[in-house]
Structure formats: structure tokens, C-alpha cells
């Protein structure tokens, strides 16, 4: 089995500030967000520590392309993407092993 890549969105609350990222270490990266490992970073400053959406990719290039496209979207589109998977904006970190 090959490496998997996660495109993900972290939030600070429902319809609050969001952050879109990509990683090859989902559990580790979410742990970093939840524990504010990077002081002064965007997710640290805005307390984006709730995993509200993710998508698994088997190809790094595809995951990076998807992340970049989502970052270009208007906010209502991102909200609809999140709510299609997670209507209550609950923390999905358990899905990635946390």
C-alpha cells in the first residue's frame, strides 16, 4: 500500500475562521494544529484546531492541486463542501487516528 495524502480544513468554530492544508501525515499534522505546535502561525493565531473536512488522495500532486483549488474558492463554496461531509462541523480528528 502506498502513501496517502490528506487535503483538510481546520476551523475554530462553526462558520468561523478556516484553514485549508495538505499533509502526508494526517494524525501528526492534526496533532500539531490541536497543540498549537507552530506558535504565531495562522492556525495558532486563530485557534483553528477542529478538523471539519478532509479528503484522501493517493497522489501527492493531485492532493496539492486540490488544496490550491479549494484555497481559491469563495467562502460559501467551502462551507458547502464542509457541510456535505460534516453538517454540524463536528471534530473529525478521530477519523485520522486522534
Protein backbone atom coordinates (compact mmCIF):
# COMPACT_ATOMS: atom_id res chain seq x y z
CA UNK A 1 0.00 0.00 0.00
CA UNK A 2 1.37 3.43 -0.97
CA UNK A 3 1.48 6.67 0.89
CA UNK A 4 -1.74 8.62 1.31
CA UNK A 5 -2.20 12.37 1.34
CA UNK A 6 -4.90 14.31 3.09
CA UNK A 7 -6.37 17.61 1.96
CA UNK A 8 -8.08 19.03 5.02
CA UNK A 9 -9.87 22.01 6.51
CA UNK A 10 -9.43 23.10 10.13
CA UNK A 11 -11.80 25.58 11.80
CA UNK A 12 -12.07 27.39 15.10
CA UNK A 13 -15.89 27.03 15.26
CA UNK A 14 -18.90 26.51 13.00
CA UNK A 15 -18.77 29.11 10.23
CA UNK A 16 -15.69 30.62 11.87
CA UNK A 17 -12.16 31.02 10.58
CA UNK A 18 -10.92 28.14 8.44
CA UNK A 19 -7.57 26.90 7.19
CA UNK A 20 -7.01 24.55 4.24
CA UNK A 21 -3.93 22.35 4.13
CA UNK A 22 -2.39 19.16 2.76
CA UNK A 23 -0.26 16.54 4.51
CA UNK A 24 1.20 13.07 4.16
CA UNK A 25 0.98 12.56 7.94
CA UNK A 26 -2.67 13.22 8.85
CA UNK A 27 -2.54 12.21 12.51
CA UNK A 28 0.69 14.09 13.13
CA UNK A 29 -0.43 17.23 11.32
CA UNK A 30 -3.78 17.41 13.09
CA UNK A 31 -1.97 16.86 16.40
CA UNK A 32 0.27 19.84 15.55
CA UNK A 33 -2.77 22.04 14.90
CA UNK A 34 -4.54 20.92 18.07
CA UNK A 35 -1.44 21.50 20.19
CA UNK A 36 -0.51 24.82 18.54
CA UNK A 37 2.92 23.44 17.70
CA UNK A 38 3.78 26.36 15.43
CA UNK A 39 3.46 29.45 17.59
CA UNK A 40 2.40 32.52 15.64
CA UNK A 41 1.15 30.52 12.64
CA UNK A 42 -2.26 31.27 11.13
CA UNK A 43 -3.89 28.27 12.81
CA UNK A 44 -2.31 29.18 16.14
CA UNK A 45 -3.37 32.84 15.98
CA UNK A 46 -6.97 31.99 15.02
CA UNK A 47 -7.30 28.78 17.09
CA UNK A 48 -8.10 26.62 14.06
CA UNK A 49 -7.87 23.28 15.82
CA UNK A 50 -11.05 21.46 14.77
CA UNK A 51 -10.77 19.13 11.78
CA UNK A 52 -14.05 19.75 9.94
CA UNK A 53 -13.38 18.27 6.48
CA UNK A 54 -10.86 16.06 4.73
CA UNK A 55 -10.31 14.17 1.51
CA UNK A 56 -7.85 11.33 0.95
CA UNK A 57 -5.59 11.17 -2.12
CA UNK A 58 -3.05 8.55 -3.16
CA UNK A 59 -1.08 11.01 -5.27
CA UNK A 60 0.81 14.00 -3.83
CA UNK A 61 0.41 16.12 -6.93
CA UNK A 62 -3.35 15.55 -7.03
CA UNK A 63 -3.65 16.46 -3.33
CA UNK A 64 -1.63 19.66 -3.74
CA UNK A 65 -3.66 20.66 -6.81
CA UNK A 66 -6.91 20.07 -4.92
CA UNK A 67 -5.68 22.11 -1.93
CA UNK A 68 -4.73 25.03 -4.18
CA UNK A 69 -8.11 24.95 -5.94
CA UNK A 70 -10.04 24.92 -2.67
CA UNK A 71 -7.99 27.86 -1.39
CA UNK A 72 -9.12 29.85 -4.44
CA UNK A 73 -12.82 29.16 -3.81
CA UNK A 74 -15.29 31.66 -2.43
CA UNK A 75 -16.16 31.07 1.21
CA UNK A 76 -19.75 29.86 0.60
CA UNK A 77 -18.36 27.10 -1.63
CA UNK A 78 -16.01 25.98 1.13
CA UNK A 79 -18.86 25.99 3.65
CA UNK A 80 -20.95 23.79 1.33
CA UNK A 81 -18.00 21.42 0.89
CA UNK A 82 -17.64 21.09 4.67
CA UNK A 83 -21.36 20.69 5.28
CA UNK A 84 -21.75 18.00 2.62
CA UNK A 85 -19.46 15.80 4.74
CA UNK A 86 -19.99 17.30 8.18
CA UNK A 87 -23.22 19.33 8.55
CA UNK A 88 -22.64 20.00 12.25
CA UNK A 89 -18.97 20.97 11.86
CA UNK A 90 -18.04 18.34 14.48
CA UNK A 91 -14.41 17.47 15.08
CA UNK A 92 -13.41 14.65 12.73
CA UNK A 93 -9.93 14.16 14.18
CA UNK A 94 -10.93 10.68 15.39
CA UNK A 95 -11.20 9.69 11.73
CA UNK A 96 -7.46 10.24 11.27
CA UNK A 97 -6.39 8.39 14.40
CA UNK A 98 -6.57 11.05 17.11
